[in-house]
N, C-alpha and C. Protein backbone atom coordinates (compact mmCIF):
# COMPACT_ATOMS: atom_id res chain seq x y z
N MET A 1 51.77 -46.49 42.62
CA MET A 1 53.22 -46.86 43.45
C MET A 1 54.21 -45.98 43.07
N LYS A 2 55.42 -45.35 42.94
CA LYS A 2 56.38 -44.51 42.70
C LYS A 2 57.79 -45.55 42.96
N ILE A 3 58.54 -45.55 41.44
CA ILE A 3 59.16 -46.41 41.48
C ILE A 3 61.01 -45.91 41.27
N LYS A 4 61.64 -45.73 41.84
CA LYS A 4 63.03 -44.82 41.57
C LYS A 4 64.54 -45.57 41.36
N TRP A 5 64.85 -45.07 40.44
CA TRP A 5 66.65 -46.38 39.94
C TRP A 5 67.22 -45.53 40.60
N TYR A 6 68.38 -45.76 41.37
CA TYR A 6 69.51 -45.02 42.05
C TYR A 6 70.49 -45.47 40.98
N GLY A 7 70.55 -46.21 40.58
CA GLY A 7 71.73 -47.10 39.93
C GLY A 7 71.98 -48.30 39.90
N HIS A 8 72.74 -48.69 39.18
CA HIS A 8 73.16 -50.11 39.12
C HIS A 8 72.39 -51.05 39.33
N ALA A 9 71.93 -51.59 40.67
CA ALA A 9 70.99 -52.77 40.91
C ALA A 9 69.98 -51.99 42.20
N ALA A 10 70.23 -50.89 42.26
CA ALA A 10 69.76 -50.05 43.16
C ALA A 10 68.25 -49.43 43.19
N PHE A 11 67.24 -49.76 43.39
CA PHE A 11 66.04 -49.25 43.18
C PHE A 11 64.87 -48.64 44.67
N GLY A 12 64.22 -47.42 44.67
CA GLY A 12 63.32 -47.22 45.68
C GLY A 12 61.77 -47.38 45.69
N MET A 13 61.14 -47.55 46.22
CA MET A 13 59.61 -47.79 46.22
C MET A 13 59.05 -47.07 47.19
N THR A 14 57.99 -46.56 46.56
CA THR A 14 57.12 -45.58 47.79
C THR A 14 55.68 -46.11 47.37
N CYS A 15 55.05 -46.41 48.49
CA CYS A 15 53.80 -47.18 48.59
C CYS A 15 52.72 -45.92 48.65
N GLU A 16 51.59 -46.42 48.34
CA GLU A 16 50.40 -45.25 48.14
C GLU A 16 50.40 -44.78 50.03
N ASN A 17 50.34 -46.05 50.92
CA ASN A 17 50.71 -45.78 51.82
C ASN A 17 51.82 -44.58 52.59
N GLY A 18 52.49 -44.43 51.77
CA GLY A 18 53.84 -44.14 52.50
C GLY A 18 54.86 -44.96 52.34
N VAL A 19 54.90 -46.07 53.21
CA VAL A 19 55.84 -47.39 53.15
C VAL A 19 57.28 -46.77 51.88
N ARG A 20 58.16 -46.73 52.52
CA ARG A 20 59.54 -46.74 51.54
C ARG A 20 60.35 -47.96 51.62
N ILE A 21 60.66 -48.48 50.42
CA ILE A 21 61.63 -49.83 50.73
C ILE A 21 62.64 -49.27 49.68
N ILE A 22 64.19 -49.80 49.89
CA ILE A 22 65.02 -49.66 48.85
C ILE A 22 65.91 -50.76 48.58
N ILE A 23 66.12 -51.33 47.65
CA ILE A 23 66.91 -53.00 47.16
C ILE A 23 67.69 -52.76 46.86
N ASP A 24 68.51 -53.63 47.12
CA ASP A 24 70.44 -53.74 46.81
C ASP A 24 70.69 -52.17 46.41
N PRO A 25 71.14 -51.41 47.53
CA PRO A 25 71.73 -50.53 48.14
C PRO A 25 73.06 -50.60 48.04
N TYR A 26 73.63 -49.70 46.63
CA TYR A 26 75.17 -49.93 46.41
C TYR A 26 76.20 -48.88 47.37
N GLU A 27 77.69 -49.63 47.73
CA GLU A 27 78.26 -48.67 48.26
C GLU A 27 78.96 -47.59 47.29
N SER A 28 79.08 -46.51 47.25
CA SER A 28 79.19 -45.25 46.35
C SER A 28 80.56 -45.23 46.46
N GLY A 29 81.68 -45.71 45.61
CA GLY A 29 83.03 -45.45 45.34
C GLY A 29 83.54 -47.21 45.83
N GLY A 30 82.86 -48.16 45.61
CA GLY A 30 82.59 -49.50 46.37
C GLY A 30 83.86 -50.63 44.38
N ALA A 31 83.62 -51.39 44.84
CA ALA A 31 84.29 -52.19 43.88
C ALA A 31 85.90 -51.46 43.50
N GLY A 32 86.49 -50.76 44.41
CA GLY A 32 87.70 -50.47 44.47
C GLY A 32 87.33 -49.13 43.07
N GLY A 33 86.66 -48.16 43.32
CA GLY A 33 86.09 -47.20 42.84
C GLY A 33 84.82 -47.41 41.23
N ALA A 34 85.02 -48.46 41.30
CA ALA A 34 83.89 -48.91 40.17
C ALA A 34 82.54 -47.89 40.25
N ILE A 35 82.29 -48.54 41.31
CA ILE A 35 80.73 -47.81 41.38
C ILE A 35 80.78 -45.77 41.65
N GLY A 36 80.81 -45.53 40.80
CA GLY A 36 80.33 -44.31 41.05
C GLY A 36 79.43 -43.24 41.47
N HIS A 37 78.31 -44.10 41.48
CA HIS A 37 77.40 -43.67 41.83
C HIS A 37 76.93 -42.91 43.58
N ALA A 38 76.13 -41.72 43.56
CA ALA A 38 76.60 -41.28 44.81
C ALA A 38 76.11 -41.64 45.71
N PRO A 39 76.10 -41.63 47.48
CA PRO A 39 75.70 -42.64 48.14
C PRO A 39 73.67 -42.25 48.07
N ILE A 40 73.69 -43.08 49.38
CA ILE A 40 72.14 -43.39 48.97
C ILE A 40 71.37 -42.88 50.22
N THR A 41 71.09 -41.67 50.33
CA THR A 41 70.62 -41.37 51.76
C THR A 41 69.25 -40.88 51.63
N ASP A 42 68.30 -41.69 51.35
CA ASP A 42 67.15 -41.86 51.16
C ASP A 42 66.17 -42.06 52.57
N ARG A 43 65.54 -41.96 53.24
CA ARG A 43 64.91 -42.45 54.02
C ARG A 43 64.24 -44.22 53.69
N ALA A 44 63.76 -44.83 54.39
CA ALA A 44 63.77 -46.13 54.28
C ALA A 44 62.90 -47.19 55.47
N ASP A 45 61.82 -47.43 55.01
CA ASP A 45 61.37 -48.13 56.22
C ASP A 45 61.58 -50.07 55.90
N ILE A 46 62.11 -50.20 55.01
CA ILE A 46 62.41 -51.70 54.40
C ILE A 46 63.40 -51.42 53.44
N VAL A 47 64.95 -52.47 53.54
CA VAL A 47 65.86 -52.46 53.04
C VAL A 47 65.94 -53.95 52.21
N LEU A 48 65.80 -54.51 51.29
CA LEU A 48 65.90 -55.78 50.69
C LEU A 48 67.51 -56.26 50.26
N VAL A 49 68.28 -56.58 50.81
CA VAL A 49 69.34 -57.44 49.92
C VAL A 49 69.78 -58.85 49.73
N SER A 50 70.04 -58.44 48.61
CA SER A 50 70.03 -59.48 47.98
C SER A 50 71.38 -61.09 47.87
N HIS A 51 72.08 -60.02 48.02
CA HIS A 51 73.64 -60.88 48.62
C HIS A 51 74.60 -59.90 48.89
N ASP A 52 75.55 -60.38 50.10
CA ASP A 52 76.50 -59.89 50.58
C ASP A 52 77.67 -59.22 49.69
N HIS A 53 77.69 -58.36 48.62
CA HIS A 53 78.41 -57.85 47.80
C HIS A 53 78.15 -56.54 47.56
N GLY A 54 79.71 -55.84 48.34
CA GLY A 54 79.31 -54.37 48.30
C GLY A 54 78.73 -53.51 47.61
N ASP A 55 78.48 -53.54 46.55
CA ASP A 55 77.86 -52.98 45.19
C ASP A 55 76.03 -53.51 45.16
N HIS A 56 75.88 -54.25 46.68
CA HIS A 56 74.32 -54.80 46.80
C HIS A 56 74.00 -54.53 48.31
N ASN A 57 74.66 -54.37 49.27
CA ASN A 57 74.61 -54.60 50.23
C ASN A 57 74.72 -53.01 51.36
N ASP A 58 75.45 -52.15 50.52
CA ASP A 58 75.43 -51.35 52.01
C ASP A 58 74.72 -50.37 52.56
N THR A 59 74.15 -50.72 53.59
CA THR A 59 72.55 -50.03 54.12
C THR A 59 73.22 -48.86 55.04
N SER A 60 74.43 -48.19 55.33
CA SER A 60 75.21 -47.18 56.33
C SER A 60 74.93 -45.67 55.84
N THR A 61 74.55 -45.44 54.45
CA THR A 61 74.07 -43.95 54.29
C THR A 61 72.50 -44.21 54.34
N ILE A 62 71.69 -44.87 54.46
CA ILE A 62 69.99 -45.17 54.27
C ILE A 62 70.05 -44.38 55.81
N LYS A 63 68.72 -43.87 55.84
CA LYS A 63 68.25 -43.02 57.14
C LYS A 63 67.27 -44.41 57.12
N GLY A 64 66.67 -44.18 59.21
CA GLY A 64 66.05 -45.10 59.19
C GLY A 64 64.92 -44.59 60.35
N PRO A 65 64.31 -45.23 61.01
CA PRO A 65 64.67 -46.76 61.43
C PRO A 65 63.80 -47.56 59.89
N PHE A 66 64.97 -48.91 59.79
CA PHE A 66 64.07 -49.85 59.25
C PHE A 66 64.87 -51.23 59.33
N THR A 67 63.62 -52.43 58.24
CA THR A 67 63.73 -53.30 58.84
C THR A 67 64.11 -54.05 57.22
N GLU A 68 65.31 -54.72 57.97
CA GLU A 68 65.90 -55.35 56.67
C GLU A 68 65.57 -56.76 56.50
N VAL A 69 66.05 -57.08 55.02
CA VAL A 69 65.43 -58.48 54.83
C VAL A 69 66.71 -58.93 54.15
N ARG A 70 67.04 -59.84 53.91
CA ARG A 70 68.62 -60.11 53.77
C ARG A 70 68.44 -62.34 53.83
N THR A 71 66.98 -62.53 54.58
CA THR A 71 67.16 -64.43 54.48
C THR A 71 65.88 -64.44 53.51
N GLY A 72 65.64 -66.02 53.31
CA GLY A 72 64.66 -66.64 52.37
C GLY A 72 63.86 -66.54 52.89
N GLY A 73 62.17 -66.50 52.58
CA GLY A 73 61.10 -67.20 52.93
C GLY A 73 60.49 -65.99 52.60
N SER A 74 59.29 -65.65 53.44
CA SER A 74 58.39 -64.97 53.35
C SER A 74 58.15 -63.90 54.37
N HIS A 75 58.06 -62.94 54.37
CA HIS A 75 58.13 -61.66 55.13
C HIS A 75 57.18 -60.95 54.98
N ASP A 76 56.42 -60.46 56.06
CA ASP A 76 55.46 -59.30 56.43
C ASP A 76 55.55 -58.12 57.04
N VAL A 77 56.23 -57.28 56.67
CA VAL A 77 56.73 -55.50 57.48
C VAL A 77 55.62 -54.59 56.82
N LYS A 78 55.23 -53.56 57.70
CA LYS A 78 54.46 -52.98 57.53
C LYS A 78 53.53 -52.72 56.96
N GLY A 79 52.68 -54.24 56.26
CA GLY A 79 51.72 -54.49 55.20
C GLY A 79 52.56 -54.74 53.95
N VAL A 80 53.67 -54.92 53.96
CA VAL A 80 54.42 -55.02 52.45
C VAL A 80 54.70 -56.64 52.48
N LYS A 81 54.11 -57.60 51.54
CA LYS A 81 54.64 -59.13 51.60
C LYS A 81 55.60 -59.50 50.67
N VAL A 82 56.49 -59.70 51.28
CA VAL A 82 57.94 -59.90 50.58
C VAL A 82 58.21 -61.64 50.26
N LEU A 83 58.33 -62.24 49.13
CA LEU A 83 58.68 -63.48 48.94
C LEU A 83 60.43 -63.06 48.48
N ALA A 84 61.28 -63.97 49.60
CA ALA A 84 62.49 -63.68 49.18
C ALA A 84 63.03 -65.66 48.90
N LEU A 85 63.24 -65.32 47.54
CA LEU A 85 63.26 -66.83 46.78
C LEU A 85 64.70 -66.96 46.62
N PRO A 86 65.17 -67.97 47.23
CA PRO A 86 67.07 -68.43 47.52
C PRO A 86 67.03 -68.81 46.19
N VAL A 87 67.81 -68.32 45.26
CA VAL A 87 68.94 -68.51 43.81
C VAL A 87 69.88 -68.14 43.91
N TYR A 88 70.90 -68.21 42.85
CA TYR A 88 72.19 -68.31 42.57
C TYR A 88 73.06 -67.23 41.59
N HIS A 89 73.81 -66.51 42.15
CA HIS A 89 74.67 -65.94 41.68
C HIS A 89 75.70 -65.87 40.14
N ASP A 90 75.02 -67.53 40.11
CA ASP A 90 75.93 -67.91 38.43
C ASP A 90 75.14 -69.32 38.25
N ALA A 91 76.00 -70.25 37.49
CA ALA A 91 74.74 -71.23 36.47
C ALA A 91 75.53 -72.35 37.23
N SER A 92 76.36 -72.22 38.12
CA SER A 92 76.71 -73.49 39.13
C SER A 92 76.42 -73.79 40.85
N GLN A 93 75.43 -72.95 40.76
CA GLN A 93 74.66 -73.44 41.90
C GLN A 93 75.67 -72.76 43.34
N GLY A 94 75.98 -71.38 42.95
CA GLY A 94 76.87 -70.95 43.54
C GLY A 94 78.18 -71.28 44.05
N LYS A 95 78.82 -72.25 43.12
CA LYS A 95 80.24 -72.81 43.07
C LYS A 95 81.20 -71.44 42.74
N GLU A 96 80.66 -70.44 41.97
CA GLU A 96 82.00 -69.39 41.70
C GLU A 96 81.42 -67.92 42.28
N ARG A 97 79.98 -67.77 42.60
CA ARG A 97 79.94 -65.99 43.15
C ARG A 97 78.94 -66.80 44.34
N GLY A 98 78.60 -67.66 44.52
CA GLY A 98 77.88 -67.57 45.68
C GLY A 98 76.11 -67.48 45.33
N LYS A 99 75.53 -67.63 46.88
CA LYS A 99 74.18 -67.06 46.78
C LYS A 99 72.93 -65.96 46.18
N ASN A 100 71.99 -65.96 46.09
CA ASN A 100 71.49 -64.64 45.55
C ASN A 100 70.10 -64.93 46.21
N ILE A 101 69.19 -63.97 45.94
CA ILE A 101 67.84 -63.79 46.44
C ILE A 101 67.20 -63.19 45.75
N LEU A 102 66.04 -63.18 45.42
CA LEU A 102 65.16 -63.18 44.31
C LEU A 102 64.10 -62.41 44.94
N PHE A 103 63.58 -61.02 44.88
CA PHE A 103 62.57 -60.84 46.10
C PHE A 103 61.63 -60.70 44.75
N VAL A 104 60.04 -61.12 45.87
CA VAL A 104 58.79 -60.70 45.05
C VAL A 104 58.11 -60.05 45.58
N ILE A 105 57.38 -58.67 45.94
CA ILE A 105 57.30 -57.38 46.54
C ILE A 105 55.82 -57.48 46.07
N GLU A 106 55.03 -57.45 47.10
CA GLU A 106 53.59 -57.53 46.93
C GLU A 106 52.82 -55.76 47.56
N ALA A 107 52.28 -55.39 47.07
CA ALA A 107 52.17 -53.56 47.84
C ALA A 107 50.86 -53.05 46.96
N ASP A 108 50.25 -52.27 47.20
CA ASP A 108 49.44 -51.79 46.06
C ASP A 108 48.77 -52.21 44.99
N GLY A 109 48.40 -53.82 45.04
CA GLY A 109 48.21 -54.72 44.28
C GLY A 109 48.70 -54.60 43.26
N LEU A 110 50.27 -54.49 43.12
CA LEU A 110 51.19 -55.30 42.08
C LEU A 110 52.03 -55.93 42.82
N ARG A 111 52.84 -56.89 41.72
CA ARG A 111 54.08 -58.07 42.13
C ARG A 111 55.19 -57.77 41.48
N VAL A 112 56.16 -57.13 42.02
CA VAL A 112 57.55 -56.23 41.76
C VAL A 112 58.50 -57.63 41.96
N VAL A 113 59.00 -58.17 40.81
CA VAL A 113 59.90 -58.61 40.78
C VAL A 113 61.39 -58.30 40.73
N HIS A 114 62.40 -58.28 42.00
CA HIS A 114 63.57 -57.78 41.85
C HIS A 114 64.87 -59.19 41.88
N THR A 115 65.50 -59.41 40.76
CA THR A 115 66.20 -60.50 40.56
C THR A 115 67.39 -60.50 41.18
N GLY A 116 67.86 -59.27 41.81
CA GLY A 116 69.15 -58.93 42.73
C GLY A 116 70.18 -59.27 41.31
N ASP A 117 71.31 -60.34 41.56
CA ASP A 117 72.65 -60.54 40.86
C ASP A 117 72.22 -62.21 40.37
N LEU A 118 71.04 -62.50 39.74
CA LEU A 118 70.76 -63.46 39.08
C LEU A 118 71.78 -64.27 38.28
N GLY A 119 72.14 -65.07 38.18
CA GLY A 119 73.11 -65.71 37.36
C GLY A 119 72.92 -66.89 36.81
N HIS A 120 71.32 -67.12 36.47
CA HIS A 120 71.15 -68.62 35.97
C HIS A 120 69.73 -68.51 35.28
N LEU A 121 69.02 -68.96 34.50
CA LEU A 121 67.78 -69.10 33.62
C LEU A 121 67.31 -69.94 34.86
N LEU A 122 65.82 -69.57 35.09
CA LEU A 122 65.23 -69.86 36.31
C LEU A 122 64.19 -71.37 35.76
N ASP A 123 64.10 -71.72 36.73
CA ASP A 123 63.45 -73.57 36.83
C ASP A 123 62.26 -73.47 36.65
N ARG A 124 61.39 -74.23 36.57
CA ARG A 124 59.83 -74.14 36.74
C ARG A 124 59.06 -73.64 38.08
N ASP A 125 60.06 -74.31 39.02
CA ASP A 125 59.57 -74.46 40.22
C ASP A 125 59.85 -73.14 40.75
N ALA A 126 60.76 -72.30 40.12
CA ALA A 126 60.91 -70.79 40.64
C ALA A 126 59.81 -70.14 40.04
N LEU A 127 60.02 -70.48 38.61
CA LEU A 127 58.67 -69.63 37.96
C LEU A 127 57.33 -69.70 38.44
N ASP A 128 57.09 -70.87 39.18
CA ASP A 128 55.82 -70.99 39.82
C ASP A 128 55.42 -70.04 41.29
N ARG A 129 56.62 -69.71 41.79
CA ARG A 129 56.47 -69.32 42.83
C ARG A 129 56.64 -67.73 43.00
N ILE A 130 57.47 -67.82 41.75
CA ILE A 130 56.95 -65.57 41.35
C ILE A 130 55.62 -65.77 40.87
N GLY A 131 54.93 -66.61 40.07
CA GLY A 131 53.86 -66.28 39.53
C GLY A 131 53.36 -65.14 38.72
N ARG A 132 52.54 -64.06 38.61
CA ARG A 132 52.30 -63.28 37.92
C ARG A 132 53.40 -61.60 38.01
N ALA A 133 54.32 -61.23 37.26
CA ALA A 133 55.11 -60.15 37.62
C ALA A 133 54.48 -59.19 36.81
N ASP A 134 54.51 -57.56 37.79
CA ASP A 134 53.64 -56.64 37.34
C ASP A 134 55.34 -56.09 36.44
N VAL A 135 55.91 -56.01 37.30
CA VAL A 135 57.25 -55.01 37.49
C VAL A 135 58.25 -56.31 37.44
N LEU A 136 59.42 -56.02 36.44
CA LEU A 136 60.32 -57.15 37.10
C LEU A 136 61.98 -55.99 36.46
N MET A 137 62.37 -56.44 37.37
CA MET A 137 63.53 -55.37 37.60
C MET A 137 64.64 -56.58 37.20
N LEU A 138 65.98 -56.98 36.86
CA LEU A 138 66.48 -57.75 36.14
C LEU A 138 68.25 -57.25 35.52
N PRO A 139 68.90 -58.06 35.93
CA PRO A 139 70.07 -57.58 35.39
C PRO A 139 70.48 -57.83 33.69
N VAL A 140 71.21 -57.16 33.13
CA VAL A 140 71.54 -57.17 31.41
C VAL A 140 72.75 -57.22 31.20
N GLY A 141 73.78 -57.13 32.16
CA GLY A 141 74.88 -56.87 31.50
C GLY A 141 76.15 -57.82 31.86
N GLY A 142 75.44 -58.95 32.16
CA GLY A 142 76.62 -59.81 32.13
C GLY A 142 77.79 -60.01 32.71
N THR A 143 79.04 -60.98 32.31
CA THR A 143 79.70 -61.04 33.05
C THR A 143 79.59 -61.70 34.37
N TYR A 144 79.01 -60.75 35.54
CA TYR A 144 79.14 -61.36 37.15
C TYR A 144 77.26 -61.74 37.01
N THR A 145 76.19 -61.90 35.86
CA THR A 145 75.12 -61.92 35.99
C THR A 145 74.99 -62.94 34.92
N ILE A 146 73.62 -62.75 34.61
CA ILE A 146 72.79 -63.01 33.00
C ILE A 146 73.14 -62.68 32.21
N THR A 147 73.66 -62.83 31.16
CA THR A 147 73.56 -62.21 29.85
C THR A 147 72.26 -61.57 29.09
N ALA A 148 72.50 -60.88 27.97
CA ALA A 148 71.51 -59.41 27.91
C ALA A 148 70.69 -60.72 27.44
N THR A 149 70.83 -62.01 26.38
CA THR A 149 70.28 -62.88 25.79
C THR A 149 69.72 -63.92 27.02
N GLU A 150 69.92 -63.89 27.55
CA GLU A 150 69.59 -64.86 28.91
C GLU A 150 68.35 -64.10 29.78
N ALA A 151 68.60 -62.89 29.99
CA ALA A 151 67.80 -61.50 30.44
C ALA A 151 66.73 -62.18 29.39
N GLY A 152 66.64 -61.94 28.15
CA GLY A 152 65.32 -61.99 27.16
C GLY A 152 64.61 -63.05 27.70
N LYS A 153 65.65 -64.42 27.83
CA LYS A 153 65.05 -65.66 27.89
C LYS A 153 63.93 -65.41 29.38
N VAL A 154 64.62 -65.06 30.18
CA VAL A 154 63.73 -64.79 31.81
C VAL A 154 62.60 -63.91 31.61
N VAL A 155 63.22 -62.99 30.68
CA VAL A 155 61.44 -62.16 30.35
C VAL A 155 60.56 -63.20 29.96
N ASP A 156 60.98 -63.51 28.84
CA ASP A 156 60.13 -64.52 27.63
C ASP A 156 58.72 -65.73 29.09
N ALA A 157 59.99 -65.77 29.92
CA ALA A 157 59.45 -67.21 30.54
C ALA A 157 58.23 -66.40 31.83
N ILE A 158 58.68 -65.01 32.41
CA ILE A 158 57.76 -64.26 32.86
C ILE A 158 56.89 -63.89 32.42
N LYS A 159 56.86 -63.37 31.47
CA LYS A 159 56.22 -62.35 31.03
C LYS A 159 55.70 -61.09 32.02
N PRO A 160 56.19 -60.34 32.12
CA PRO A 160 56.24 -59.05 32.36
C PRO A 160 55.19 -58.62 32.34
N SER A 161 55.10 -56.98 32.85
CA SER A 161 54.37 -56.33 32.00
C SER A 161 55.43 -54.83 31.89
N ILE A 162 56.05 -54.48 32.86
CA ILE A 162 57.10 -53.72 32.55
C ILE A 162 58.12 -54.51 33.10
N ILE A 163 59.45 -53.91 32.23
CA ILE A 163 60.91 -55.01 32.55
C ILE A 163 61.73 -53.16 32.60
N LEU A 164 62.46 -53.07 33.99
CA LEU A 164 63.47 -52.43 34.20
C LEU A 164 64.89 -52.92 34.07
N PRO A 165 65.05 -52.52 33.31
CA PRO A 165 67.15 -53.31 32.91
C PRO A 165 67.49 -52.76 34.09
N MET A 166 68.53 -52.97 34.90
CA MET A 166 69.32 -53.06 35.45
C MET A 166 71.31 -53.73 35.32
N HIS A 167 72.29 -53.20 36.31
CA HIS A 167 73.34 -53.76 36.54
C HIS A 167 73.64 -53.89 34.83
N TYR A 168 74.17 -52.84 34.24
CA TYR A 168 74.43 -52.87 32.82
C TYR A 168 75.64 -51.50 33.04
N LYS A 169 76.13 -51.40 31.80
CA LYS A 169 77.04 -50.71 31.83
C LYS A 169 77.01 -49.29 31.89
N THR A 170 77.34 -48.10 32.11
CA THR A 170 77.00 -46.84 32.34
C THR A 170 78.17 -46.41 32.25
N GLU A 171 77.92 -44.53 32.49
CA GLU A 171 78.98 -43.88 32.95
C GLU A 171 79.46 -43.74 34.17
N LYS A 172 78.87 -44.35 35.12
CA LYS A 172 78.66 -44.11 36.33
C LYS A 172 79.35 -45.87 36.96
N VAL A 173 79.48 -46.98 35.77
CA VAL A 173 79.71 -47.85 36.55
C VAL A 173 81.13 -48.45 36.01
N ALA A 174 82.18 -48.67 36.31
CA ALA A 174 83.55 -48.85 35.68
C ALA A 174 83.77 -50.55 35.41
N LEU A 175 82.48 -51.38 36.09
CA LEU A 175 83.17 -52.64 35.89
C LEU A 175 82.63 -53.28 34.24
N PRO A 176 83.18 -54.66 34.42
CA PRO A 176 82.78 -55.01 32.78
C PRO A 176 82.30 -55.71 32.21
N LEU A 177 80.80 -54.42 32.00
CA LEU A 177 79.17 -55.11 32.31
C LEU A 177 79.42 -54.75 30.81
N ALA A 178 78.37 -55.30 29.95
CA ALA A 178 77.48 -55.03 28.59
C ALA A 178 76.18 -53.51 28.96
N PRO A 179 76.68 -52.98 27.76
CA PRO A 179 75.70 -51.81 27.77
C PRO A 179 74.43 -52.25 27.70
N VAL A 180 73.15 -51.36 28.04
CA VAL A 180 71.74 -51.88 27.85
C VAL A 180 71.31 -52.01 26.15
N GLU A 181 71.60 -51.35 25.46
CA GLU A 181 71.68 -51.49 23.89
C GLU A 181 72.44 -53.30 23.75
N ASP A 182 72.66 -53.71 24.24
CA ASP A 182 73.09 -55.03 23.64
C ASP A 182 71.50 -56.05 24.34
N PHE A 183 70.79 -55.58 24.99
CA PHE A 183 69.34 -56.44 25.61
C PHE A 183 68.13 -55.49 24.92
N THR A 184 68.01 -54.41 24.60
CA THR A 184 67.60 -53.58 24.13
C THR A 184 66.99 -53.65 22.46
N LYS A 185 68.18 -54.10 21.81
CA LYS A 185 68.48 -54.34 20.07
C LYS A 185 67.80 -55.25 19.83
N GLY A 186 66.47 -54.90 19.06
CA GLY A 186 65.88 -55.41 18.19
C GLY A 186 64.71 -55.47 18.75
N LYS A 187 64.25 -55.04 20.06
CA LYS A 187 62.48 -55.13 20.86
C LYS A 187 62.18 -54.28 20.63
N LYS A 188 60.82 -54.52 20.41
CA LYS A 188 59.74 -53.12 19.29
C LYS A 188 58.94 -52.66 20.88
N ARG A 189 59.23 -53.41 22.08
CA ARG A 189 58.70 -51.88 22.98
C ARG A 189 59.57 -51.18 23.77
N VAL A 190 60.50 -50.25 23.56
CA VAL A 190 61.56 -49.95 24.35
C VAL A 190 61.23 -48.36 25.00
N ARG A 191 61.21 -47.52 25.76
CA ARG A 191 60.64 -46.67 26.24
C ARG A 191 61.76 -45.67 27.14
N LYS A 192 62.13 -44.84 26.60
CA LYS A 192 63.01 -44.16 27.60
C LYS A 192 63.12 -43.18 28.31
N VAL A 193 63.20 -43.26 29.42
CA VAL A 193 62.35 -42.05 30.65
C VAL A 193 63.55 -41.17 30.65
N GLY A 194 63.25 -40.12 30.81
CA GLY A 194 64.37 -38.86 31.11
C GLY A 194 64.28 -38.27 32.83
N ALA A 195 64.02 -39.58 32.83
CA ALA A 195 63.87 -39.08 34.65
C ALA A 195 64.28 -40.39 35.37
N SER A 196 64.14 -40.14 36.82
CA SER A 196 64.88 -41.62 37.12
C SER A 196 63.48 -42.29 38.50
N GLU A 197 62.61 -41.66 37.70
CA GLU A 197 61.17 -42.16 38.63
C GLU A 197 59.90 -42.08 37.79
N ILE A 198 59.74 -43.48 38.01
CA ILE A 198 58.15 -43.75 37.07
C ILE A 198 56.91 -43.76 38.38
N GLU A 199 56.06 -43.81 38.10
CA GLU A 199 54.56 -44.30 38.48
C GLU A 199 54.13 -45.11 38.04
N VAL A 200 53.91 -46.47 38.66
CA VAL A 200 53.27 -47.57 38.24
C VAL A 200 51.82 -47.78 39.01
N ALA A 201 50.82 -48.11 38.42
CA ALA A 201 49.48 -48.65 39.17
C ALA A 201 49.14 -49.48 38.02
N HIS A 202 48.31 -50.65 39.13
CA HIS A 202 47.55 -51.83 38.62
C HIS A 202 46.58 -51.45 37.27
N GLY A 203 45.86 -50.38 37.83
CA GLY A 203 44.79 -50.09 36.48
C GLY A 203 45.45 -49.74 35.42
N SER A 204 46.83 -49.47 34.73
CA SER A 204 47.32 -48.61 34.08
C SER A 204 48.41 -49.51 33.29
N LEU A 205 48.48 -50.60 33.68
CA LEU A 205 49.54 -51.62 33.04
C LEU A 205 49.62 -51.46 31.91
N PRO A 206 51.18 -51.74 31.12
CA PRO A 206 50.96 -51.52 29.56
C PRO A 206 50.28 -53.30 29.17
N GLU A 207 49.71 -52.91 27.96
CA GLU A 207 48.76 -54.53 27.74
C GLU A 207 49.92 -55.35 27.07
N GLU A 208 51.07 -54.66 26.18
CA GLU A 208 52.07 -56.02 26.32
C GLU A 208 53.30 -55.29 26.73
N PRO A 209 54.04 -56.62 27.21
CA PRO A 209 55.15 -55.95 27.76
C PRO A 209 56.48 -55.39 27.09
N GLU A 210 56.62 -53.95 27.85
CA GLU A 210 57.43 -52.48 27.75
C GLU A 210 58.74 -52.64 28.36
N ILE A 211 59.61 -52.50 27.76
CA ILE A 211 60.95 -52.38 28.28
C ILE A 211 61.19 -50.55 29.11
N VAL A 212 61.37 -50.27 30.39
CA VAL A 212 61.40 -48.88 30.12
C VAL A 212 62.63 -48.72 30.85
N LEU A 213 63.08 -47.54 29.99
CA LEU A 213 64.85 -47.16 30.46
C LEU A 213 64.91 -46.15 31.24
N LEU A 214 65.31 -46.03 32.81
CA LEU A 214 65.47 -44.70 33.91
C LEU A 214 66.37 -44.28 33.64
N GLN A 215 66.78 -43.01 34.00
CA GLN A 215 67.43 -41.76 33.42
C GLN A 215 68.17 -42.64 35.46
N PHE A 216 69.38 -42.91 36.26
CA PHE A 216 69.88 -43.15 37.22
C PHE A 216 70.00 -41.98 38.26
N ALA A 217 69.85 -41.96 39.01
CA ALA A 217 69.25 -40.52 40.06
C ALA A 217 70.40 -40.28 40.61
N ASN A 218 71.31 -41.02 41.21
CA ASN A 218 72.60 -40.71 41.54
C ASN A 218 73.56 -40.48 40.88
């Protein structure tokens, strides 16, 4: 499986059979111009949207046809299994910023978890439903989501093989977010990749959890 980071919370996944998935596509120029990433114009077969905020839900520039998933429950699309687990955008059960969906995607023998704009620590029931996570896409910038410290606690609870930080401060995002270094500071296994894409296979996952920093594509 190939995994590509477009920027912010938007990722693309290309499965071995050619099925293409895009998760949480942002609106270029959205949030009052705070999202400086270029539009996402790739093709997709499946688009996953965690919640209806403009920096996560703009499907208008994606080439299709594609099946869109933005509701909770179990979905099976083109042989890809998706568990859409309702969680919250804040620590007050959605009273501040509403609901959010955490996606568990099963394809190519891998379990990939994208947490959207997760705003709270996960309880035992949610962790049990998530189960094994080979790849975890997790916000670490705080303000609108969990903080870097809370993100570390989520990682410790889920115990993924690969952690892909997202939703943090970069030169392309002018939102009041913390930089990724707040999350990676003091961590032992951090690998900076000078590219927007990595290839992940079930048989070659790292033996210990590894934080992988991608370069945004757009």
